[in-house]
Amino acid sequence: KDGNFLLQGGAQTAQLSLEDKDLLVSR
């Protein structure tokens, strides 16, 4: 609920940038 990424996975394994994470949290 604080916007921390606990786990990320899927077919694309590349890590998200900080900007991408902030964008998802803002959405």
PDB file of all heavy atoms in Angstrom:
ATOM      1  N   LYS A   1       0.805  -1.219   0.000  1.00  0.00           N
ATOM      2  CA  LYS A   1       0.000   0.000   0.000  1.00  0.00           C
ATOM      3  C   LYS A   1       0.841   1.274   0.000  1.00  0.00           C
ATOM      4  O   LYS A   1       0.346   2.359  -0.315  1.00  0.00           O
ATOM      5  CB  LYS A   1      -0.926  -0.007   1.210  1.00  0.00           C
ATOM      6  CG  LYS A   1      -0.186  -0.032   2.543  1.00  0.00           C
ATOM      7  CD  LYS A   1      -1.172  -0.071   3.690  1.00  0.00           C
ATOM      8  CE  LYS A   1      -0.442  -0.113   5.035  1.00  0.00           C
ATOM      9  NZ  LYS A   1      -1.389  -0.139   6.169  1.00  0.00           N
ATOM     10  N   ASP A   2       2.130   1.130   0.355  1.00  0.00           N
ATOM     11  CA  ASP A   2       3.028   2.282   0.339  1.00  0.00           C
ATOM     12  C   ASP A   2       3.715   2.467  -1.012  1.00  0.00           C
ATOM     13  O   ASP A   2       4.555   3.355  -1.165  1.00  0.00           O
ATOM     14  CB  ASP A   2       4.094   2.133   1.434  1.00  0.00           C
ATOM     15  CG  ASP A   2       3.482   2.122   2.829  1.00  0.00           C
ATOM     16  OD1 ASP A   2       2.473   2.847   3.021  1.00  0.00           O
ATOM     17  OD2 ASP A   2       3.982   1.392   3.692  1.00  0.00           O
ATOM     18  N   GLY A   3       3.398   1.626  -1.964  1.00  0.00           N
ATOM     19  CA  GLY A   3       3.999   1.745  -3.282  1.00  0.00           C
ATOM     20  C   GLY A   3       5.318   1.028  -3.431  1.00  0.00           C
ATOM     21  O   GLY A   3       6.024   1.236  -4.429  1.00  0.00           O
ATOM     22  N   ASN A   4       5.686   0.188  -2.478  1.00  0.00           N
ATOM     23  CA  ASN A   4       6.926  -0.590  -2.588  1.00  0.00           C
ATOM     24  C   ASN A   4       6.685  -1.821  -3.451  1.00  0.00           C
ATOM     25  O   ASN A   4       5.664  -2.506  -3.308  1.00  0.00           O
ATOM     26  CB  ASN A   4       7.411  -1.011  -1.196  1.00  0.00           C
ATOM     27  CG  ASN A   4       7.731   0.192  -0.324  1.00  0.00           C
ATOM     28  OD1 ASN A   4       8.376   1.131  -0.760  1.00  0.00           O
ATOM     29  ND2 ASN A   4       7.262   0.155   0.928  1.00  0.00           N
ATOM     30  N   PHE A   5       7.629  -2.118  -4.365  1.00  0.00           N
ATOM     31  CA  PHE A   5       7.529  -3.273  -5.240  1.00  0.00           C
ATOM     32  C   PHE A   5       8.067  -4.485  -4.493  1.00  0.00           C
ATOM     33  O   PHE A   5       9.266  -4.607  -4.230  1.00  0.00           O
ATOM     34  CB  PHE A   5       8.310  -3.035  -6.527  1.00  0.00           C
ATOM     35  CG  PHE A   5       7.575  -2.165  -7.512  1.00  0.00           C
ATOM     36  CD1 PHE A   5       7.442  -0.805  -7.284  1.00  0.00           C
ATOM     37  CD2 PHE A   5       7.005  -2.703  -8.650  1.00  0.00           C
ATOM     38  CE1 PHE A   5       6.762   0.000  -8.170  1.00  0.00           C
ATOM     39  CE2 PHE A   5       6.321  -1.914  -9.545  1.00  0.00           C
ATOM     40  CZ  PHE A   5       6.189  -0.549  -9.307  1.00  0.00           C
ATOM     41  N   LEU A   6       7.152  -5.393  -4.143  1.00  0.00           N
ATOM     42  CA  LEU A   6       7.535  -6.596  -3.410  1.00  0.00           C
ATOM     43  C   LEU A   6       8.032  -7.688  -4.348  1.00  0.00           C
ATOM     44  O   LEU A   6       8.938  -8.446  -3.987  1.00  0.00           O
ATOM     45  CB  LEU A   6       6.340  -7.105  -2.592  1.00  0.00           C
ATOM     46  CG  LEU A   6       5.736  -6.107  -1.596  1.00  0.00           C
ATOM     47  CD1 LEU A   6       4.531  -6.721  -0.911  1.00  0.00           C
ATOM     48  CD2 LEU A   6       6.778  -5.656  -0.587  1.00  0.00           C
ATOM     49  N   LEU A   7       7.432  -7.792  -5.531  1.00  0.00           N
ATOM     50  CA  LEU A   7       7.792  -8.867  -6.458  1.00  0.00           C
ATOM     51  C   LEU A   7       7.488  -8.421  -7.876  1.00  0.00           C
ATOM     52  O   LEU A   7       6.473  -7.740  -8.120  1.00  0.00           O
ATOM     53  CB  LEU A   7       6.994 -10.139  -6.136  1.00  0.00           C
ATOM     54  CG  LEU A   7       7.323 -11.387  -6.965  1.00  0.00           C
ATOM     55  CD1 LEU A   7       8.703 -11.899  -6.602  1.00  0.00           C
ATOM     56  CD2 LEU A   7       6.268 -12.471  -6.739  1.00  0.00           C
ATOM     57  N   GLN A   8       8.342  -8.775  -8.805  1.00  0.00           N
ATOM     58  CA  GLN A   8       8.065  -8.512 -10.209  1.00  0.00           C
ATOM     59  C   GLN A   8       8.545  -9.695 -11.037  1.00  0.00           C
ATOM     60  O   GLN A   8       9.588 -10.284 -10.764  1.00  0.00           O
ATOM     61  CB  GLN A   8       8.736  -7.222 -10.679  1.00  0.00           C
ATOM     62  CG  GLN A   8      10.222  -7.132 -10.426  1.00  0.00           C
ATOM     63  CD  GLN A   8      10.773  -5.795 -10.892  1.00  0.00           C
ATOM     64  OE1 GLN A   8      10.318  -5.254 -11.890  1.00  0.00           O
ATOM     65  NE2 GLN A   8      11.749  -5.266 -10.173  1.00  0.00           N
ATOM     66  N   GLY A   9       7.727 -10.052 -12.008  1.00  0.00           N
ATOM     67  CA  GLY A   9       8.049 -11.197 -12.848  1.00  0.00           C
ATOM     68  C   GLY A   9       7.335 -11.109 -14.177  1.00  0.00           C
ATOM     69  O   GLY A   9       6.846 -10.055 -14.575  1.00  0.00           O
ATOM     70  N   GLY A  10       7.282 -12.240 -14.885  1.00  0.00           N
ATOM     71  CA  GLY A  10       6.676 -12.276 -16.202  1.00  0.00           C
ATOM     72  C   GLY A  10       7.657 -12.730 -17.261  1.00  0.00           C
ATOM     73  O   GLY A  10       8.809 -13.073 -16.966  1.00  0.00           O
ATOM     74  N   ALA A  11       7.186 -12.714 -18.516  1.00  0.00           N
ATOM     75  CA  ALA A  11       8.045 -13.163 -19.617  1.00  0.00           C
ATOM     76  C   ALA A  11       9.218 -12.222 -19.837  1.00  0.00           C
ATOM     77  O   ALA A  11      10.291 -12.644 -20.258  1.00  0.00           O
ATOM     78  CB  ALA A  11       7.214 -13.292 -20.897  1.00  0.00           C
ATOM     79  N   GLN A  12       9.020 -10.923 -19.585  1.00  0.00           N
ATOM     80  CA  GLN A  12      10.092  -9.947 -19.723  1.00  0.00           C
ATOM     81  C   GLN A  12      10.748  -9.745 -18.363  1.00  0.00           C
ATOM     82  O   GLN A  12      10.115  -9.258 -17.427  1.00  0.00           O
ATOM     83  CB  GLN A  12       9.543  -8.620 -20.265  1.00  0.00           C
ATOM     84  CG  GLN A  12       8.891  -8.755 -21.637  1.00  0.00           C
ATOM     85  CD  GLN A  12       8.307  -7.435 -22.120  1.00  0.00           C
ATOM     86  OE1 GLN A  12       8.389  -6.423 -21.452  1.00  0.00           O
ATOM     87  NE2 GLN A  12       7.711  -7.468 -23.316  1.00  0.00           N
ATOM     88  N   THR A  13      12.013 -10.109 -18.296  1.00  0.00           N
ATOM     89  CA  THR A  13      12.702 -10.129 -17.000  1.00  0.00           C
ATOM     90  C   THR A  13      13.454  -8.853 -16.692  1.00  0.00           C
ATOM     91  O   THR A  13      14.002  -8.716 -15.592  1.00  0.00           O
ATOM     92  CB  THR A  13      13.681 -11.308 -16.970  1.00  0.00           C
ATOM     93  OG1 THR A  13      14.622 -11.170 -18.061  1.00  0.00           O
ATOM     94  CG2 THR A  13      12.944 -12.627 -17.127  1.00  0.00           C
ATOM     95  N   ALA A  14      13.535  -7.915 -17.635  1.00  0.00           N
ATOM     96  CA  ALA A  14      14.285  -6.683 -17.389  1.00  0.00           C
ATOM     97  C   ALA A  14      13.644  -5.891 -16.248  1.00  0.00           C
ATOM     98  O   ALA A  14      12.418  -5.809 -16.136  1.00  0.00           O
ATOM     99  CB  ALA A  14      14.339  -5.840 -18.657  1.00  0.00           C
ATOM    100  N   GLN A  15      14.503  -5.305 -15.400  1.00  0.00           N
ATOM    101  CA  GLN A  15      14.022  -4.556 -14.251  1.00  0.00           C
ATOM    102  C   GLN A  15      13.452  -3.207 -14.687  1.00  0.00           C
ATOM    103  O   GLN A  15      13.914  -2.604 -15.663  1.00  0.00           O
ATOM    104  CB  GLN A  15      15.165  -4.325 -13.261  1.00  0.00           C
ATOM    105  CG  GLN A  15      15.711  -5.609 -12.646  1.00  0.00           C
ATOM    106  CD  GLN A  15      14.691  -6.300 -11.764  1.00  0.00           C
ATOM    107  OE1 GLN A  15      13.964  -5.647 -11.018  1.00  0.00           O
ATOM    108  NE2 GLN A  15      14.638  -7.630 -11.835  1.00  0.00           N
ATOM    109  N   LEU A  16      12.450  -2.739 -13.952  1.00  0.00           N
ATOM    110  CA  LEU A  16      11.876  -1.429 -14.220  1.00  0.00           C
ATOM    111  C   LEU A  16      12.771  -0.332 -13.662  1.00  0.00           C
ATOM    112  O   LEU A  16      13.420  -0.509 -12.620  1.00  0.00           O
ATOM    113  CB  LEU A  16      10.485  -1.304 -13.597  1.00  0.00           C
ATOM    114  CG  LEU A  16       9.333  -2.054 -14.263  1.00  0.00           C
ATOM    115  CD1 LEU A  16       8.040  -1.762 -13.510  1.00  0.00           C
ATOM    116  CD2 LEU A  16       9.186  -1.663 -15.718  1.00  0.00           C
ATOM    117  N   SER A  17      12.780   0.790 -14.347  1.00  0.00           N
ATOM    118  CA  SER A  17      13.505   1.944 -13.836  1.00  0.00           C
ATOM    119  C   SER A  17      12.692   2.610 -12.733  1.00  0.00           C
ATOM    120  O   SER A  17      11.505   2.318 -12.537  1.00  0.00           O
ATOM    121  CB  SER A  17      13.768   2.936 -14.968  1.00  0.00           C
ATOM    122  OG  SER A  17      12.543   3.433 -15.482  1.00  0.00           O
ATOM    123  N   LEU A  18      13.343   3.520 -11.995  1.00  0.00           N
ATOM    124  CA  LEU A  18      12.652   4.230 -10.924  1.00  0.00           C
ATOM    125  C   LEU A  18      11.503   5.070 -11.476  1.00  0.00           C
ATOM    126  O   LEU A  18      10.440   5.182 -10.856  1.00  0.00           O
ATOM    127  CB  LEU A  18      13.646   5.121 -10.173  1.00  0.00           C
ATOM    128  CG  LEU A  18      14.714   4.371  -9.357  1.00  0.00           C
ATOM    129  CD1 LEU A  18      15.679   5.369  -8.715  1.00  0.00           C
ATOM    130  CD2 LEU A  18      14.073   3.493  -8.287  1.00  0.00           C
ATOM    131  N   GLU A  19      11.710   5.653 -12.682  1.00  0.00           N
ATOM    132  CA  GLU A  19      10.642   6.453 -13.294  1.00  0.00           C
ATOM    133  C   GLU A  19       9.434   5.597 -13.620  1.00  0.00           C
ATOM    134  O   GLU A  19       8.278   6.022 -13.423  1.00  0.00           O
ATOM    135  CB  GLU A  19      11.169   7.151 -14.546  1.00  0.00           C
ATOM    136  CG  GLU A  19      12.214   8.229 -14.305  1.00  0.00           C
ATOM    137  CD  GLU A  19      13.596   7.642 -14.049  1.00  0.00           C
ATOM    138  OE1 GLU A  19      13.740   6.392 -14.158  1.00  0.00           O
ATOM    139  OE2 GLU A  19      14.507   8.420 -13.723  1.00  0.00           O
ATOM    140  N   ASP A  20       9.681   4.379 -14.137  1.00  0.00           N
ATOM    141  CA  ASP A  20       8.565   3.482 -14.463  1.00  0.00           C
ATOM    142  C   ASP A  20       7.811   3.070 -13.197  1.00  0.00           C
ATOM    143  O   ASP A  20       6.571   3.003 -13.187  1.00  0.00           O
ATOM    144  CB  ASP A  20       9.082   2.240 -15.197  1.00  0.00           C
ATOM    145  CG  ASP A  20       9.610   2.579 -16.580  1.00  0.00           C
ATOM    146  OD1 ASP A  20       9.236   3.651 -17.104  1.00  0.00           O
ATOM    147  OD2 ASP A  20      10.395   1.790 -17.133  1.00  0.00           O
ATOM    148  N   LYS A  21       8.566   2.791 -12.137  1.00  0.00           N
ATOM    149  CA  LYS A  21       7.911   2.409 -10.880  1.00  0.00           C
ATOM    150  C   LYS A  21       7.063   3.554 -10.339  1.00  0.00           C
ATOM    151  O   LYS A  21       5.927   3.357  -9.881  1.00  0.00           O
ATOM    152  CB  LYS A  21       8.952   1.991  -9.854  1.00  0.00           C
ATOM    153  CG  LYS A  21       9.650   0.666 -10.182  1.00  0.00           C
ATOM    154  CD  LYS A  21      10.645   0.289  -9.108  1.00  0.00           C
ATOM    155  CE  LYS A  21      11.302  -1.060  -9.428  1.00  0.00           C
ATOM    156  NZ  LYS A  21      12.279  -1.449  -8.392  1.00  0.00           N
ATOM    157  N   ASP A  22       7.623   4.758 -10.391  1.00  0.00           N
ATOM    158  CA  ASP A  22       6.858   5.918  -9.919  1.00  0.00           C
ATOM    159  C   ASP A  22       5.600   6.130 -10.765  1.00  0.00           C
ATOM    160  O   ASP A  22       4.536   6.520 -10.231  1.00  0.00           O
ATOM    161  CB  ASP A  22       7.726   7.177  -9.966  1.00  0.00           C
ATOM    162  CG  ASP A  22       8.863   7.122  -8.967  1.00  0.00           C
ATOM    163  OD1 ASP A  22       8.769   6.341  -8.007  1.00  0.00           O
ATOM    164  OD2 ASP A  22       9.867   7.851  -9.149  1.00  0.00           O
ATOM    165  N   LEU A  23       5.699   5.869 -12.054  1.00  0.00           N
ATOM    166  CA  LEU A  23       4.545   6.035 -12.932  1.00  0.00           C
ATOM    167  C   LEU A  23       3.441   5.043 -12.580  1.00  0.00           C
ATOM    168  O   LEU A  23       2.252   5.405 -12.509  1.00  0.00           O
ATOM    169  CB  LEU A  23       4.977   5.855 -14.400  1.00  0.00           C
ATOM    170  CG  LEU A  23       3.894   6.066 -15.468  1.00  0.00           C
ATOM    171  CD1 LEU A  23       3.338   7.481 -15.389  1.00  0.00           C
ATOM    172  CD2 LEU A  23       4.472   5.798 -16.865  1.00  0.00           C
ATOM    173  N   LEU A  24       3.802   3.795 -12.332  1.00  0.00           N
ATOM    174  CA  LEU A  24       2.803   2.796 -11.947  1.00  0.00           C
ATOM    175  C   LEU A  24       2.175   3.136 -10.595  1.00  0.00           C
ATOM    176  O   LEU A  24       0.957   2.979 -10.397  1.00  0.00           O
ATOM    177  CB  LEU A  24       3.442   1.408 -11.894  1.00  0.00           C
ATOM    178  CG  LEU A  24       3.778   0.765 -13.242  1.00  0.00           C
ATOM    179  CD1 LEU A  24       4.495  -0.559 -13.036  1.00  0.00           C
ATOM    180  CD2 LEU A  24       2.531   0.559 -14.075  1.00  0.00           C
ATOM    181  N   VAL A  25       2.998   3.593  -9.655  1.00  0.00           N
ATOM    182  CA  VAL A  25       2.472   3.965  -8.339  1.00  0.00           C
ATOM    183  C   VAL A  25       1.509   5.142  -8.463  1.00  0.00           C
ATOM    184  O   VAL A  25       0.450   5.173  -7.810  1.00  0.00           O
ATOM    185  CB  VAL A  25       3.632   4.299  -7.380  1.00  0.00           C
ATOM    186  CG1 VAL A  25       3.095   4.871  -6.063  1.00  0.00           C
ATOM    187  CG2 VAL A  25       4.453   3.045  -7.088  1.00  0.00           C
ATOM    188  N   SER A  26       1.857   6.120  -9.338  1.00  0.00           N
ATOM    189  CA  SER A  26       0.952   7.258  -9.529  1.00  0.00           C
ATOM    190  C   SER A  26      -0.369   6.826 -10.140  1.00  0.00           C
ATOM    191  O   SER A  26      -1.428   7.355  -9.781  1.00  0.00           O
ATOM    192  CB  SER A  26       1.632   8.306 -10.412  1.00  0.00           C
ATOM    193  OG  SER A  26       1.829   7.804 -11.731  1.00  0.00           O
ATOM    194  N   ARG A  27      -0.344   5.871 -11.067  1.00  0.00           N
ATOM    195  CA  ARG A  27      -1.594   5.360 -11.640  1.00  0.00           C
ATOM    196  C   ARG A  27      -2.447   4.682 -10.558  1.00  0.00           C
ATOM    197  O   ARG A  27      -3.671   4.801 -10.548  1.00  0.00           O
ATOM    198  CB  ARG A  27      -1.291   4.360 -12.768  1.00  0.00           C
ATOM    199  CG  ARG A  27      -0.644   4.973 -13.994  1.00  0.00           C
ATOM    200  CD  ARG A  27      -1.614   5.902 -14.712  1.00  0.00           C
ATOM    201  NE  ARG A  27      -1.085   6.346 -15.982  1.00  0.00           N
ATOM    202  CZ  ARG A  27      -0.303   7.416 -16.151  1.00  0.00           C
ATOM    203  NH1 ARG A  27       0.029   8.145 -15.096  1.00  0.00           N
ATOM    204  NH2 ARG A  27       0.145   7.743 -17.331  1.00  0.00           N
TER     205      ARG A  27
END
